[in-house]
Structure formats: C-alpha cells, structure tokens
Amino acid sequence: MIEIFDDDYYISGLKKKDVKVFENFIGEFSTLIFNYIYRITGNHSDAEEITQDAFIRAYKYSESIKEKSKLKPWLYAIARNTAFSRLKLKKLSTVSIDEIQEPPARVEYNPENIVLEKEIQNQIKLAIDSLSIDLKEVFVLSEYEKFTYSEIAEFLNIPLGTVKSRMYYAVRKLIEFQKEIGEKK
C-alpha cells in the first residue's frame, strides 16, 4: 500500500535530507513531473533524464523551500527550470503538442469512434498549440496538471490577476480557433 503524506512531512524531511522521505517524495511526484516534462520536450528519454535531474536539484536545494510553502508549485518550478536549462544547453528540439503521442485512456474497437476520437484529439492539440507560450503554459497547468490559479501564480511568480487574465484569453482564443475550424468544414 502506498502512503501519501502532506507537504509538511516532505518539507521538514527534505530539509533534514532524510533519505526515506526523499524516496517517498519521488514515489509520489515522479509520474506527475515526468508527464509535465514530457509535454514540454516530447521526448521520452529526455523527459526521464530531466525528471531525474529535477529531483536531484530538489534534494540539493531543499533548504530553500519555506516551511509553510506549497510543495507542488516549488517542485514544478524546479522541473520547469531544469527542463528549460536543458533545452537551452543541449538545444534539444521541442516538439509541437500535436506530435506527442499519448497512450489511449481506453481501448475502443469501433473504427468510427476511433477515427472520430482521433480527429477531436488532433483539433484540441492544434488549438492548444496555436496559443502563445504564456497562454499555453497557464492553460496546461490548470487543465492538465490541475493546478489552482494560486498555485500557478506562485509557480510562475506572477500575480494572480495575470494568471486569470491569461486563462481568460487562452479560453477565448481556443473558442475562436474552434469557430474557425467549424467554419472551414
């Protein structure tokens, strides 16, 4: 059985460099961080390496987290900075969101449903890919990573109002994109 601990447990344990806490920390958050990094890089092996580096940095710099901070935005910020540093240093090629293949959530053998679902997924990916990086990042963190607006603001180090504004414009642009697609058909 997997135990899930609260932020205070991880923060105090990481600050003490407790290896058991760090193992639990990796167990609870590694899949989330890997998925986030994979969406940025589009490359499985790069995402694995960057995820490992992000956890090493989290352990190394754990004394920098404040006692009453939220752990998730702090960890995502480390992962994001690690990924962007790696992308700049190694000049990894980022992949368009529509090129990333995600495993299907369920197996469906009806050919019409498969074609329709694939078409919808492609439209969604195209729409999200059409957003600027600022709008896309807020949208992905909110809708895919399930961050609250407050967590996004803390994570990106921007005011809450800016997060809300970016989300508003992202949704507005996605609606406009969908209308354009509908008009072309």
C-alpha atoms as a PDB file:
ATOM      1  CA  MET A   1       0.000   0.000   0.000  1.00  0.00           C
ATOM      2  CA  ILE A   2       1.296   3.433  -0.956  1.00  0.00           C
ATOM      3  CA  GLU A   3       1.187   6.042   1.762  1.00  0.00           C
ATOM      4  CA  ILE A   4       0.501   9.639   0.815  1.00  0.00           C
ATOM      5  CA  PHE A   5       1.976  12.311   3.044  1.00  0.00           C
ATOM      6  CA  ASP A   6       1.289  16.014   3.388  1.00  0.00           C
ATOM      7  CA  ASP A   7       3.514  18.913   2.388  1.00  0.00           C
ATOM      8  CA  ASP A   8       4.789  19.485   5.940  1.00  0.00           C
ATOM      9  CA  TYR A   9       6.072  15.901   6.123  1.00  0.00           C
ATOM     10  CA  TYR A  10       8.023  16.299   2.886  1.00  0.00           C
ATOM     11  CA  ILE A  11       9.285  19.808   3.583  1.00  0.00           C
ATOM     12  CA  SER A  12      10.642  19.004   7.039  1.00  0.00           C
ATOM     13  CA  GLY A  13      12.084  15.689   5.865  1.00  0.00           C
ATOM     14  CA  LEU A  14      13.718  17.151   2.767  1.00  0.00           C
ATOM     15  CA  LYS A  15      15.238  19.981   4.804  1.00  0.00           C
ATOM     16  CA  LYS A  16      16.763  17.311   7.088  1.00  0.00           C
ATOM     17  CA  LYS A  17      17.979  15.386   3.992  1.00  0.00           C
ATOM     18  CA  ASP A  18      16.040  12.324   5.168  1.00  0.00           C
ATOM     19  CA  VAL A  19      16.579   9.636   2.500  1.00  0.00           C
ATOM     20  CA  LYS A  20      13.351   7.751   3.332  1.00  0.00           C
ATOM     21  CA  VAL A  21      11.322  10.959   2.945  1.00  0.00           C
ATOM     22  CA  PHE A  22      13.092  11.626  -0.341  1.00  0.00           C
ATOM     23  CA  GLU A  23      12.189   8.118  -1.587  1.00  0.00           C
ATOM     24  CA  ASN A  24       8.537   8.719  -0.664  1.00  0.00           C
ATOM     25  CA  PHE A  25       8.726  12.145  -2.315  1.00  0.00           C
ATOM     26  CA  ILE A  26       9.966  10.611  -5.576  1.00  0.00           C
ATOM     27  CA  GLY A  27       7.349   7.862  -5.392  1.00  0.00           C
ATOM     28  CA  GLU A  28       4.517  10.344  -5.026  1.00  0.00           C
ATOM     29  CA  PHE A  29       5.604  13.012  -7.508  1.00  0.00           C
ATOM     30  CA  SER A  30       7.800  11.382 -10.174  1.00  0.00           C
ATOM     31  CA  THR A  31       4.955  10.441 -12.547  1.00  0.00           C
ATOM     32  CA  LEU A  32       3.433  13.932 -12.357  1.00  0.00           C
ATOM     33  CA  ILE A  33       6.771  15.593 -13.059  1.00  0.00           C
ATOM     34  CA  PHE A  34       7.643  13.159 -15.847  1.00  0.00           C
ATOM     35  CA  ASN A  35       4.304  13.818 -17.598  1.00  0.00           C
ATOM     36  CA  TYR A  36       4.774  17.576 -17.305  1.00  0.00           C
ATOM     37  CA  ILE A  37       8.328  17.428 -18.683  1.00  0.00           C
ATOM     38  CA  TYR A  38       7.269  15.054 -21.454  1.00  0.00           C
ATOM     39  CA  ARG A  39       4.690  17.623 -22.588  1.00  0.00           C
ATOM     40  CA  ILE A  40       7.466  20.196 -22.824  1.00  0.00           C
ATOM     41  CA  THR A  41      10.086  18.064 -24.572  1.00  0.00           C
ATOM     42  CA  GLY A  42       8.005  15.489 -26.445  1.00  0.00           C
ATOM     43  CA  ASN A  43      10.874  13.045 -25.967  1.00  0.00           C
ATOM     44  CA  HIS A  44      10.649  10.108 -23.549  1.00  0.00           C
ATOM     45  CA  SER A  45      14.364   9.724 -22.771  1.00  0.00           C
ATOM     46  CA  ASP A  46      14.875  13.490 -22.379  1.00  0.00           C
ATOM     47  CA  ALA A  47      11.883  13.613 -20.040  1.00  0.00           C
ATOM     48  CA  GLU A  48      13.322  10.773 -17.950  1.00  0.00           C
ATOM     49  CA  GLU A  49      16.722  12.490 -17.658  1.00  0.00           C
ATOM     50  CA  ILE A  50      15.241  15.885 -16.869  1.00  0.00           C
ATOM     51  CA  THR A  51      12.893  14.365 -14.286  1.00  0.00           C
ATOM     52  CA  GLN A  52      15.855  12.711 -12.546  1.00  0.00           C
ATOM     53  CA  ASP A  53      17.824  15.968 -12.642  1.00  0.00           C
ATOM     54  CA  ALA A  54      14.840  17.876 -11.252  1.00  0.00           C
ATOM     55  CA  PHE A  55      14.591  15.537  -8.261  1.00  0.00           C
ATOM     56  CA  ILE A  56      18.327  15.765  -7.645  1.00  0.00           C
ATOM     57  CA  ARG A  57      18.038  19.567  -7.668  1.00  0.00           C
ATOM     58  CA  ALA A  58      15.003  19.415  -5.379  1.00  0.00           C
ATOM     59  CA  TYR A  59      17.003  17.351  -2.891  1.00  0.00           C
ATOM     60  CA  LYS A  60      20.082  19.543  -3.221  1.00  0.00           C
ATOM     61  CA  TYR A  61      18.163  22.814  -2.788  1.00  0.00           C
ATOM     62  CA  SER A  62      15.524  21.584  -0.347  1.00  0.00           C
ATOM     63  CA  GLU A  63      16.688  24.067   2.276  1.00  0.00           C
ATOM     64  CA  SER A  64      15.401  26.859   0.007  1.00  0.00           C
ATOM     65  CA  ILE A  65      11.740  25.902   0.462  1.00  0.00           C
ATOM     66  CA  LYS A  66       9.936  27.847   3.143  1.00  0.00           C
ATOM     67  CA  GLU A  67       8.266  25.915   5.974  1.00  0.00           C
ATOM     68  CA  LYS A  68       4.671  26.870   5.065  1.00  0.00           C
ATOM     69  CA  SER A  69       5.112  26.786   1.281  1.00  0.00           C
ATOM     70  CA  LYS A  70       3.160  24.634  -1.121  1.00  0.00           C
ATOM     71  CA  LEU A  71       5.356  21.760  -2.237  1.00  0.00           C
ATOM     72  CA  LYS A  72       3.829  21.129  -5.675  1.00  0.00           C
ATOM     73  CA  PRO A  73       4.465  24.600  -7.200  1.00  0.00           C
ATOM     74  CA  TRP A  74       8.007  24.574  -5.763  1.00  0.00           C
ATOM     75  CA  LEU A  75       8.751  21.181  -7.344  1.00  0.00           C
ATOM     76  CA  TYR A  76       7.163  22.106 -10.682  1.00  0.00           C
ATOM     77  CA  ALA A  77       9.243  25.301 -10.750  1.00  0.00           C
ATOM     78  CA  ILE A  78      12.415  23.251 -10.279  1.00  0.00           C
ATOM     79  CA  ALA A  79      11.304  20.824 -13.012  1.00  0.00           C
ATOM     80  CA  ARG A  80      10.406  23.684 -15.372  1.00  0.00           C
ATOM     81  CA  ASN A  81      13.721  25.477 -14.799  1.00  0.00           C
ATOM     82  CA  THR A  82      15.648  22.227 -15.213  1.00  0.00           C
ATOM     83  CA  ALA A  83      13.846  21.483 -18.486  1.00  0.00           C
ATOM     84  CA  PHE A  84      14.337  24.977 -19.894  1.00  0.00           C
ATOM     85  CA  SER A  85      18.011  24.960 -18.892  1.00  0.00           C
ATOM     86  CA  ARG A  86      18.483  21.588 -20.567  1.00  0.00           C
ATOM     87  CA  LEU A  87      16.627  22.736 -23.681  1.00  0.00           C
ATOM     88  CA  LYS A  88      18.873  25.765 -23.943  1.00  0.00           C
ATOM     89  CA  LEU A  89      22.134  23.986 -23.116  1.00  0.00           C
ATOM     90  CA  LYS A  90      21.668  20.870 -25.192  1.00  0.00           C
ATOM     91  CA  LYS A  91      19.477  22.565 -27.790  1.00  0.00           C
ATOM     92  CA  LEU A  92      17.001  19.721 -27.571  1.00  0.00           C
ATOM     93  CA  SER A  93      14.287  20.061 -30.124  1.00  0.00           C
ATOM     94  CA  THR A  94      10.920  20.754 -28.607  1.00  0.00           C
ATOM     95  CA  VAL A  95       8.023  19.016 -30.230  1.00  0.00           C
ATOM     96  CA  SER A  96       4.711  20.507 -31.168  1.00  0.00           C
ATOM     97  CA  ILE A  97       1.896  19.322 -28.906  1.00  0.00           C
ATOM     98  CA  ASP A  98       0.187  17.673 -31.904  1.00  0.00           C
ATOM     99  CA  GLU A  99       3.233  15.443 -32.479  1.00  0.00           C
ATOM    100  CA  ILE A 100       3.163  13.964 -28.973  1.00  0.00           C
ATOM    101  CA  GLN A 101       1.515  10.590 -28.832  1.00  0.00           C
ATOM    102  CA  GLU A 102      -0.211   9.936 -25.536  1.00  0.00           C
ATOM    103  CA  PRO A 103      -1.332   6.460 -24.589  1.00  0.00           C
ATOM    104  CA  PRO A 104      -5.060   5.964 -25.067  1.00  0.00           C
ATOM    105  CA  ALA A 105      -7.159   6.087 -21.924  1.00  0.00           C
ATOM    106  CA  ARG A 106      -9.218   3.111 -23.039  1.00  0.00           C
ATOM    107  CA  VAL A 107      -9.283   0.571 -25.832  1.00  0.00           C
ATOM    108  CA  GLU A 108     -12.139   1.101 -28.275  1.00  0.00           C
ATOM    109  CA  TYR A 109     -12.556  -1.213 -31.247  1.00  0.00           C
ATOM    110  CA  ASN A 110     -15.311   0.631 -33.104  1.00  0.00           C
ATOM    111  CA  PRO A 111     -13.480   2.118 -36.156  1.00  0.00           C
ATOM    112  CA  GLU A 112     -15.850   5.075 -36.433  1.00  0.00           C
ATOM    113  CA  ASN A 113     -15.302   6.003 -32.786  1.00  0.00           C
ATOM    114  CA  ILE A 114     -11.537   5.664 -33.161  1.00  0.00           C
ATOM    115  CA  VAL A 115     -11.462   7.978 -36.187  1.00  0.00           C
ATOM    116  CA  LEU A 116     -13.775  10.499 -34.537  1.00  0.00           C
ATOM    117  CA  GLU A 117     -11.809  10.470 -31.270  1.00  0.00           C
ATOM    118  CA  LYS A 118      -8.519  10.901 -33.129  1.00  0.00           C
ATOM    119  CA  GLU A 119      -9.941  13.826 -35.106  1.00  0.00           C
ATOM    120  CA  ILE A 120     -11.132  15.509 -31.899  1.00  0.00           C
ATOM    121  CA  GLN A 121      -7.753  14.946 -30.223  1.00  0.00           C
ATOM    122  CA  ASN A 122      -5.987  16.453 -33.228  1.00  0.00           C
ATOM    123  CA  GLN A 123      -8.253  19.516 -33.162  1.00  0.00           C
ATOM    124  CA  ILE A 124      -7.626  20.018 -29.447  1.00  0.00           C
ATOM    125  CA  LYS A 125      -3.879  19.667 -29.898  1.00  0.00           C
ATOM    126  CA  LEU A 126      -3.915  22.101 -32.830  1.00  0.00           C
ATOM    127  CA  ALA A 127      -5.932  24.600 -30.827  1.00  0.00           C
ATOM    128  CA  ILE A 128      -3.651  24.409 -27.786  1.00  0.00           C
ATOM    129  CA  ASP A 129      -0.566  24.591 -29.989  1.00  0.00           C
ATOM    130  CA  SER A 130      -1.898  27.821 -31.524  1.00  0.00           C
ATOM    131  CA  LEU A 131      -1.663  29.587 -28.148  1.00  0.00           C
ATOM    132  CA  SER A 132       1.318  31.745 -27.225  1.00  0.00           C
ATOM    133  CA  ILE A 133       3.708  30.131 -24.730  1.00  0.00           C
ATOM    134  CA  ASP A 134       2.396  32.321 -21.866  1.00  0.00           C
ATOM    135  CA  LEU A 135      -1.231  31.358 -22.511  1.00  0.00           C
ATOM    136  CA  LYS A 136      -0.389  27.715 -23.232  1.00  0.00           C
ATOM    137  CA  GLU A 137       1.610  27.308 -20.031  1.00  0.00           C
ATOM    138  CA  VAL A 138      -1.217  28.647 -17.820  1.00  0.00           C
ATOM    139  CA  PHE A 139      -3.815  26.576 -19.686  1.00  0.00           C
ATOM    140  CA  VAL A 140      -1.803  23.326 -19.469  1.00  0.00           C
ATOM    141  CA  LEU A 141      -1.007  23.832 -15.780  1.00  0.00           C
ATOM    142  CA  SER A 142      -4.652  24.480 -14.999  1.00  0.00           C
ATOM    143  CA  GLU A 143      -6.410  21.952 -17.213  1.00  0.00           C
ATOM    144  CA  TYR A 144      -3.895  19.107 -17.494  1.00  0.00           C
ATOM    145  CA  GLU A 145      -1.819  19.404 -14.334  1.00  0.00           C
ATOM    146  CA  LYS A 146      -4.821  20.521 -12.209  1.00  0.00           C
ATOM    147  CA  PHE A 147      -3.033  23.423 -10.526  1.00  0.00           C
ATOM    148  CA  THR A 148      -5.202  26.068  -8.872  1.00  0.00           C
ATOM    149  CA  TYR A 149      -4.803  29.640 -10.102  1.00  0.00           C
ATOM    150  CA  SER A 150      -2.999  30.495  -6.845  1.00  0.00           C
ATOM    151  CA  GLU A 151      -0.548  27.633  -7.354  1.00  0.00           C
ATOM    152  CA  ILE A 152       0.089  28.742 -10.943  1.00  0.00           C
ATOM    153  CA  ALA A 153       0.746  32.300  -9.757  1.00  0.00           C
ATOM    154  CA  GLU A 154       3.221  31.051  -7.158  1.00  0.00           C
ATOM    155  CA  PHE A 155       4.830  28.626  -9.605  1.00  0.00           C
ATOM    156  CA  LEU A 156       5.297  31.173 -12.403  1.00  0.00           C
ATOM    157  CA  ASN A 157       5.998  34.006  -9.965  1.00  0.00           C
ATOM    158  CA  ILE A 158       3.305  36.219 -11.478  1.00  0.00           C
ATOM    159  CA  PRO A 159       0.307  37.985  -9.927  1.00  0.00           C
ATOM    160  CA  LEU A 160      -2.936  36.024  -9.535  1.00  0.00           C
ATOM    161  CA  GLY A 161      -4.689  38.561 -11.770  1.00  0.00           C
ATOM    162  CA  THR A 162      -2.233  37.800 -14.567  1.00  0.00           C
ATOM    163  CA  VAL A 163      -2.987  34.078 -14.271  1.00  0.00           C
ATOM    164  CA  LYS A 164      -6.728  34.762 -14.502  1.00  0.00           C
ATOM    165  CA  SER A 165      -6.220  37.099 -17.449  1.00  0.00           C
ATOM    166  CA  ARG A 166      -4.050  34.591 -19.329  1.00  0.00           C
ATOM    167  CA  MET A 167      -6.548  31.817 -18.679  1.00  0.00           C
ATOM    168  CA  TYR A 168      -9.384  34.030 -19.922  1.00  0.00           C
ATOM    169  CA  TYR A 169      -7.520  34.866 -23.131  1.00  0.00           C
ATOM    170  CA  ALA A 170      -6.433  31.242 -23.623  1.00  0.00           C
ATOM    171  CA  VAL A 171     -10.021  30.016 -23.401  1.00  0.00           C
ATOM    172  CA  ARG A 172     -11.197  32.853 -25.631  1.00  0.00           C
ATOM    173  CA  LYS A 173      -8.578  32.003 -28.272  1.00  0.00           C
ATOM    174  CA  LEU A 174      -9.452  28.298 -28.088  1.00  0.00           C
ATOM    175  CA  ILE A 175     -13.119  29.148 -28.664  1.00  0.00           C
ATOM    176  CA  GLU A 176     -12.174  31.384 -31.611  1.00  0.00           C
ATOM    177  CA  PHE A 177      -9.988  28.603 -33.009  1.00  0.00           C
ATOM    178  CA  GLN A 178     -12.848  26.125 -32.716  1.00  0.00           C
ATOM    179  CA  LYS A 179     -15.205  28.544 -34.501  1.00  0.00           C
ATOM    180  CA  GLU A 180     -12.695  28.924 -37.344  1.00  0.00           C
ATOM    181  CA  ILE A 181     -12.384  25.158 -37.671  1.00  0.00           C
ATOM    182  CA  GLY A 182     -16.183  24.837 -37.694  1.00  0.00           C
ATOM    183  CA  GLU A 183     -16.485  27.466 -40.426  1.00  0.00           C
ATOM    184  CA  LYS A 184     -13.922  25.670 -42.616  1.00  0.00           C
ATOM    185  CA  LYS A 185     -15.932  22.438 -42.542  1.00  0.00           C
END
